[in-house]
Amino acid sequence: MQDVENQAAHIAQDAGDAITKGAQDAGAGIADGVQQFGKGIADGLEQLPEIKLPKFGRGKK
């Protein structure tokens, strides 16, 4: 009976390890995707022409 319990414990441990690794891999993949997305936005913004806005507020009277 103890062999069955040990075997079940090992199966549960292996399943837990696999779930943990899968979650870590998914988290790393998401982080990489967000980083690449942010870099794409930054690169796109660098390509936009500089916009010069008129100054408002106190000026010549």
PDB file of N, CA and C in Angstrom:
ATOM      1  N   MET A   1       0.825  -1.199   0.000  1.00  0.00           N
ATOM      2  CA  MET A   1       0.000   0.000   0.000  1.00  0.00           C
ATOM      3  C   MET A   1       0.868   1.261   0.000  1.00  0.00           C
ATOM      4  N   GLN A   2       1.971   1.176   0.708  1.00  0.00           N
ATOM      5  CA  GLN A   2       2.841   2.355   0.781  1.00  0.00           C
ATOM      6  C   GLN A   2       3.467   2.661  -0.572  1.00  0.00           C
ATOM      7  N   ASP A   3       3.739   1.629  -1.383  1.00  0.00           N
ATOM      8  CA  ASP A   3       4.284   1.858  -2.723  1.00  0.00           C
ATOM      9  C   ASP A   3       3.305   2.657  -3.570  1.00  0.00           C
ATOM     10  N   VAL A   4       2.026   2.365  -3.450  1.00  0.00           N
ATOM     11  CA  VAL A   4       0.995   3.085  -4.211  1.00  0.00           C
ATOM     12  C   VAL A   4       0.945   4.535  -3.749  1.00  0.00           C
ATOM     13  N   GLU A   5       1.047   4.750  -2.455  1.00  0.00           N
ATOM     14  CA  GLU A   5       1.034   6.117  -1.915  1.00  0.00           C
ATOM     15  C   GLU A   5       2.266   6.890  -2.380  1.00  0.00           C
ATOM     16  N   ASN A   6       3.418   6.243  -2.358  1.00  0.00           N
ATOM     17  CA  ASN A   6       4.647   6.897  -2.819  1.00  0.00           C
ATOM     18  C   ASN A   6       4.563   7.219  -4.310  1.00  0.00           C
ATOM     19  N   GLN A   7       4.025   6.282  -5.052  1.00  0.00           N
ATOM     20  CA  GLN A   7       3.890   6.491  -6.491  1.00  0.00           C
ATOM     21  C   GLN A   7       2.937   7.655  -6.774  1.00  0.00           C
ATOM     22  N   ALA A   8       1.840   7.709  -6.034  1.00  0.00           N
ATOM     23  CA  ALA A   8       0.884   8.804  -6.197  1.00  0.00           C
ATOM     24  C   ALA A   8       1.524  10.136  -5.815  1.00  0.00           C
ATOM     25  N   ALA A   9       2.313  10.124  -4.761  1.00  0.00           N
ATOM     26  CA  ALA A   9       2.996  11.351  -4.336  1.00  0.00           C
ATOM     27  C   ALA A   9       3.970  11.828  -5.407  1.00  0.00           C
ATOM     28  N   HIS A  10       4.698  10.900  -6.024  1.00  0.00           N
ATOM     29  CA  HIS A  10       5.646  11.260  -7.085  1.00  0.00           C
ATOM     30  C   HIS A  10       4.910  11.803  -8.316  1.00  0.00           C
ATOM     31  N   ILE A  11       3.800  11.194  -8.646  1.00  0.00           N
ATOM     32  CA  ILE A  11       3.006  11.672  -9.788  1.00  0.00           C
ATOM     33  C   ILE A  11       2.491  13.075  -9.515  1.00  0.00           C
ATOM     34  N   ALA A  12       2.005  13.294  -8.301  1.00  0.00           N
ATOM     35  CA  ALA A  12       1.501  14.621  -7.940  1.00  0.00           C
ATOM     36  C   ALA A  12       2.631  15.652  -7.963  1.00  0.00           C
ATOM     37  N   GLN A  13       3.795  15.272  -7.470  1.00  0.00           N
ATOM     38  CA  GLN A  13       4.952  16.180  -7.469  1.00  0.00           C
ATOM     39  C   GLN A  13       5.369  16.515  -8.891  1.00  0.00           C
ATOM     40  N   ASP A  14       5.436  15.502  -9.751  1.00  0.00           N
ATOM     41  CA  ASP A  14       5.813  15.719 -11.153  1.00  0.00           C
ATOM     42  C   ASP A  14       4.794  16.623 -11.853  1.00  0.00           C
ATOM     43  N   ALA A  15       3.524  16.408 -11.578  1.00  0.00           N
ATOM     44  CA  ALA A  15       2.475  17.246 -12.182  1.00  0.00           C
ATOM     45  C   ALA A  15       2.613  18.686 -11.698  1.00  0.00           C
ATOM     46  N   GLY A  16       2.862  18.858 -10.409  1.00  0.00           N
ATOM     47  CA  GLY A  16       3.052  20.210  -9.864  1.00  0.00           C
ATOM     48  C   GLY A  16       4.255  20.903 -10.473  1.00  0.00           C
ATOM     49  N   ASP A  17       5.336  20.152 -10.634  1.00  0.00           N
ATOM     50  CA  ASP A  17       6.543  20.718 -11.256  1.00  0.00           C
ATOM     51  C   ASP A  17       6.273  21.139 -12.703  1.00  0.00           C
ATOM     52  N   ALA A  18       5.526  20.294 -13.428  1.00  0.00           N
ATOM     53  CA  ALA A  18       5.212  20.612 -14.828  1.00  0.00           C
ATOM     54  C   ALA A  18       4.333  21.857 -14.924  1.00  0.00           C
ATOM     55  N   ILE A  19       3.370  21.972 -14.016  1.00  0.00           N
ATOM     56  CA  ILE A  19       2.492  23.152 -14.016  1.00  0.00           C
ATOM     57  C   ILE A  19       3.302  24.406 -13.696  1.00  0.00           C
ATOM     58  N   THR A  20       4.177  24.311 -12.710  1.00  0.00           N
ATOM     59  CA  THR A  20       5.012  25.459 -12.333  1.00  0.00           C
ATOM     60  C   THR A  20       5.897  25.893 -13.496  1.00  0.00           C
ATOM     61  N   LYS A  21       6.533  24.921 -14.157  1.00  0.00           N
ATOM     62  CA  LYS A  21       7.405  25.250 -15.295  1.00  0.00           C
ATOM     63  C   LYS A  21       6.593  25.876 -16.426  1.00  0.00           C
ATOM     64  N   GLY A  22       5.409  25.328 -16.687  1.00  0.00           N
ATOM     65  CA  GLY A  22       4.555  25.892 -17.732  1.00  0.00           C
ATOM     66  C   GLY A  22       4.165  27.328 -17.419  1.00  0.00           C
ATOM     67  N   ALA A  23       3.837  27.596 -16.164  1.00  0.00           N
ATOM     68  CA  ALA A  23       3.466  28.960 -15.771  1.00  0.00           C
ATOM     69  C   ALA A  23       4.650  29.910 -15.898  1.00  0.00           C
ATOM     70  N   GLN A  24       5.840  29.446 -15.511  1.00  0.00           N
ATOM     71  CA  GLN A  24       7.042  30.279 -15.631  1.00  0.00           C
ATOM     72  C   GLN A  24       7.343  30.570 -17.098  1.00  0.00           C
ATOM     73  N   ASP A  25       7.231  29.550 -17.931  1.00  0.00           N
ATOM     74  CA  ASP A  25       7.482  29.744 -19.362  1.00  0.00           C
ATOM     75  C   ASP A  25       6.479  30.709 -19.968  1.00  0.00           C
ATOM     76  N   ALA A  26       5.209  30.564 -19.572  1.00  0.00           N
ATOM     77  CA  ALA A  26       4.175  31.464 -20.093  1.00  0.00           C
ATOM     78  C   ALA A  26       4.443  32.895 -19.635  1.00  0.00           C
ATOM     79  N   GLY A  27       4.817  33.062 -18.372  1.00  0.00           N
ATOM     80  CA  GLY A  27       5.119  34.398 -17.862  1.00  0.00           C
ATOM     81  C   GLY A  27       6.290  35.032 -18.588  1.00  0.00           C
ATOM     82  N   ALA A  28       7.313  34.238 -18.850  1.00  0.00           N
ATOM     83  CA  ALA A  28       8.482  34.754 -19.577  1.00  0.00           C
ATOM     84  C   ALA A  28       8.096  35.131 -20.999  1.00  0.00           C
ATOM     85  N   GLY A  29       7.256  34.324 -21.620  1.00  0.00           N
ATOM     86  CA  GLY A  29       6.807  34.629 -22.983  1.00  0.00           C
ATOM     87  C   GLY A  29       5.996  35.911 -23.041  1.00  0.00           C
ATOM     88  N   ILE A  30       5.128  36.096 -22.054  1.00  0.00           N
ATOM     89  CA  ILE A  30       4.324  37.316 -22.002  1.00  0.00           C
ATOM     90  C   ILE A  30       5.227  38.529 -21.786  1.00  0.00           C
ATOM     91  N   ALA A  31       6.191  38.411 -20.877  1.00  0.00           N
ATOM     92  CA  ALA A  31       7.108  39.525 -20.611  1.00  0.00           C
ATOM     93  C   ALA A  31       7.896  39.893 -21.867  1.00  0.00           C
ATOM     94  N   ASP A  32       8.362  38.890 -22.594  1.00  0.00           N
ATOM     95  CA  ASP A  32       9.087  39.162 -23.839  1.00  0.00           C
ATOM     96  C   ASP A  32       8.191  39.864 -24.851  1.00  0.00           C
ATOM     97  N   GLY A  33       6.945  39.412 -24.957  1.00  0.00           N
ATOM     98  CA  GLY A  33       6.003  40.026 -25.896  1.00  0.00           C
ATOM     99  C   GLY A  33       5.731  41.484 -25.547  1.00  0.00           C
ATOM    100  N   VAL A  34       5.543  41.761 -24.268  1.00  0.00           N
ATOM    101  CA  VAL A  34       5.291  43.141 -23.835  1.00  0.00           C
ATOM    102  C   VAL A  34       6.505  44.015 -24.111  1.00  0.00           C
ATOM    103  N   GLN A  35       7.696  43.469 -23.867  1.00  0.00           N
ATOM    104  CA  GLN A  35       8.919  44.230 -24.125  1.00  0.00           C
ATOM    105  C   GLN A  35       9.057  44.545 -25.615  1.00  0.00           C
ATOM    106  N   GLN A  36       8.798  43.569 -26.453  1.00  0.00           N
ATOM    107  CA  GLN A  36       8.893  43.793 -27.897  1.00  0.00           C
ATOM    108  C   GLN A  36       7.831  44.787 -28.361  1.00  0.00           C
ATOM    109  N   PHE A  37       6.642  44.697 -27.786  1.00  0.00           N
ATOM    110  CA  PHE A  37       5.571  45.630 -28.134  1.00  0.00           C
ATOM    111  C   PHE A  37       5.976  47.062 -27.765  1.00  0.00           C
ATOM    112  N   GLY A  38       6.522  47.232 -26.572  1.00  0.00           N
ATOM    113  CA  GLY A  38       6.975  48.550 -26.135  1.00  0.00           C
ATOM    114  C   GLY A  38       8.087  49.086 -27.010  1.00  0.00           C
ATOM    115  N   LYS A  39       9.006  48.218 -27.403  1.00  0.00           N
ATOM    116  CA  LYS A  39      10.098  48.650 -28.288  1.00  0.00           C
ATOM    117  C   LYS A  39       9.546  49.064 -29.643  1.00  0.00           C
ATOM    118  N   GLY A  40       8.551  48.343 -30.133  1.00  0.00           N
ATOM    119  CA  GLY A  40       7.928  48.702 -31.405  1.00  0.00           C
ATOM    120  C   GLY A  40       7.275  50.073 -31.339  1.00  0.00           C
ATOM    121  N   ILE A  41       6.609  50.351 -30.235  1.00  0.00           N
ATOM    122  CA  ILE A  41       5.988  51.669 -30.059  1.00  0.00           C
ATOM    123  C   ILE A  41       7.057  52.749 -30.004  1.00  0.00           C
ATOM    124  N   ALA A  42       8.118  52.508 -29.239  1.00  0.00           N
ATOM    125  CA  ALA A  42       9.198  53.502 -29.123  1.00  0.00           C
ATOM    126  C   ALA A  42       9.848  53.752 -30.480  1.00  0.00           C
ATOM    127  N   ASP A  43      10.083  52.685 -31.236  1.00  0.00           N
ATOM    128  CA  ASP A  43      10.685  52.850 -32.567  1.00  0.00           C
ATOM    129  C   ASP A  43       9.753  53.638 -33.486  1.00  0.00           C
ATOM    130  N   GLY A  44       8.468  53.360 -33.400  1.00  0.00           N
ATOM    131  CA  GLY A  44       7.495  54.082 -34.223  1.00  0.00           C
ATOM    132  C   GLY A  44       7.440  55.560 -33.863  1.00  0.00           C
ATOM    133  N   LEU A  45       7.516  55.865 -32.579  1.00  0.00           N
ATOM    134  CA  LEU A  45       7.481  57.266 -32.147  1.00  0.00           C
ATOM    135  C   LEU A  45       8.721  58.018 -32.613  1.00  0.00           C
ATOM    136  N   GLU A  46       9.847  57.336 -32.660  1.00  0.00           N
ATOM    137  CA  GLU A  46      11.075  57.990 -33.127  1.00  0.00           C
ATOM    138  C   GLU A  46      10.979  58.355 -34.606  1.00  0.00           C
ATOM    139  N   GLN A  47      10.172  57.649 -35.354  1.00  0.00           N
ATOM    140  CA  GLN A  47      10.054  57.908 -36.782  1.00  0.00           C
ATOM    141  C   GLN A  47       9.066  59.029 -37.097  1.00  0.00           C
ATOM    142  N   LEU A  48       8.273  59.424 -36.111  1.00  0.00           N
ATOM    143  CA  LEU A  48       7.322  60.505 -36.348  1.00  0.00           C
ATOM    144  C   LEU A  48       8.069  61.834 -36.475  1.00  0.00           C
ATOM    145  N   PRO A  49       7.557  62.721 -37.321  1.00  0.00           N
ATOM    146  CA  PRO A  49       8.214  64.027 -37.422  1.00  0.00           C
ATOM    147  C   PRO A  49       8.009  64.825 -36.137  1.00  0.00           C
ATOM    148  N   GLU A  50       8.948  65.697 -35.869  1.00  0.00           N
ATOM    149  CA  GLU A  50       8.824  66.536 -34.680  1.00  0.00           C
ATOM    150  C   GLU A  50       7.723  67.558 -34.924  1.00  0.00           C
ATOM    151  N   ILE A  51       6.863  67.687 -33.957  1.00  0.00           N
ATOM    152  CA  ILE A  51       5.747  68.633 -34.082  1.00  0.00           C
ATOM    153  C   ILE A  51       6.084  69.854 -33.225  1.00  0.00           C
ATOM    154  N   LYS A  52       6.073  71.005 -33.862  1.00  0.00           N
ATOM    155  CA  LYS A  52       6.340  72.239 -33.134  1.00  0.00           C
ATOM    156  C   LYS A  52       5.011  72.944 -32.897  1.00  0.00           C
ATOM    157  N   LEU A  53       4.655  73.078 -31.635  1.00  0.00           N
ATOM    158  CA  LEU A  53       3.400  73.725 -31.281  1.00  0.00           C
ATOM    159  C   LEU A  53       3.658  75.191 -30.943  1.00  0.00           C
ATOM    160  N   PRO A  54       2.703  76.061 -31.271  1.00  0.00           N
ATOM    161  CA  PRO A  54       2.871  77.464 -30.900  1.00  0.00           C
ATOM    162  C   PRO A  54       2.800  77.605 -29.385  1.00  0.00           C
ATOM    163  N   LYS A  55       3.506  78.580 -28.882  1.00  0.00           N
ATOM    164  CA  LYS A  55       3.501  78.820 -27.449  1.00  0.00           C
ATOM    165  C   LYS A  55       2.290  79.674 -27.081  1.00  0.00           C
ATOM    166  N   PHE A  56       1.617  79.290 -26.048  1.00  0.00           N
ATOM    167  CA  PHE A  56       0.468  80.040 -25.559  1.00  0.00           C
ATOM    168  C   PHE A  56       0.788  80.597 -24.197  1.00  0.00           C
ATOM    169  N   GLY A  57       0.016  81.576 -23.797  1.00  0.00           N
ATOM    170  CA  GLY A  57       0.218  82.156 -22.476  1.00  0.00           C
ATOM    171  C   GLY A  57       0.601  83.604 -22.595  1.00  0.00           C
ATOM    172  N   ARG A  58       1.434  84.033 -21.688  1.00  0.00           N
ATOM    173  CA  ARG A  58       1.838  85.451 -21.692  1.00  0.00           C
ATOM    174  C   ARG A  58       2.791  85.706 -22.842  1.00  0.00           C
ATOM    175  N   GLY A  59       2.416  86.606 -23.647  1.00  0.00           N
ATOM    176  CA  GLY A  59       3.248  86.968 -24.794  1.00  0.00           C
ATOM    177  C   GLY A  59       3.401  88.466 -24.841  1.00  0.00           C
ATOM    178  N   LYS A  60       3.713  88.985 -26.013  1.00  0.00           N
ATOM    179  CA  LYS A  60       3.855  90.429 -26.185  1.00  0.00           C
ATOM    180  C   LYS A  60       2.490  91.073 -26.083  1.00  0.00           C
ATOM    181  N   LYS A  61       2.460  92.247 -25.449  1.00  0.00           N
ATOM    182  CA  LYS A  61       1.198  92.986 -25.320  1.00  0.00           C
ATOM    183  C   LYS A  61       1.181  94.149 -26.252  1.00  0.00           C
TER     184      LYS A  61
END
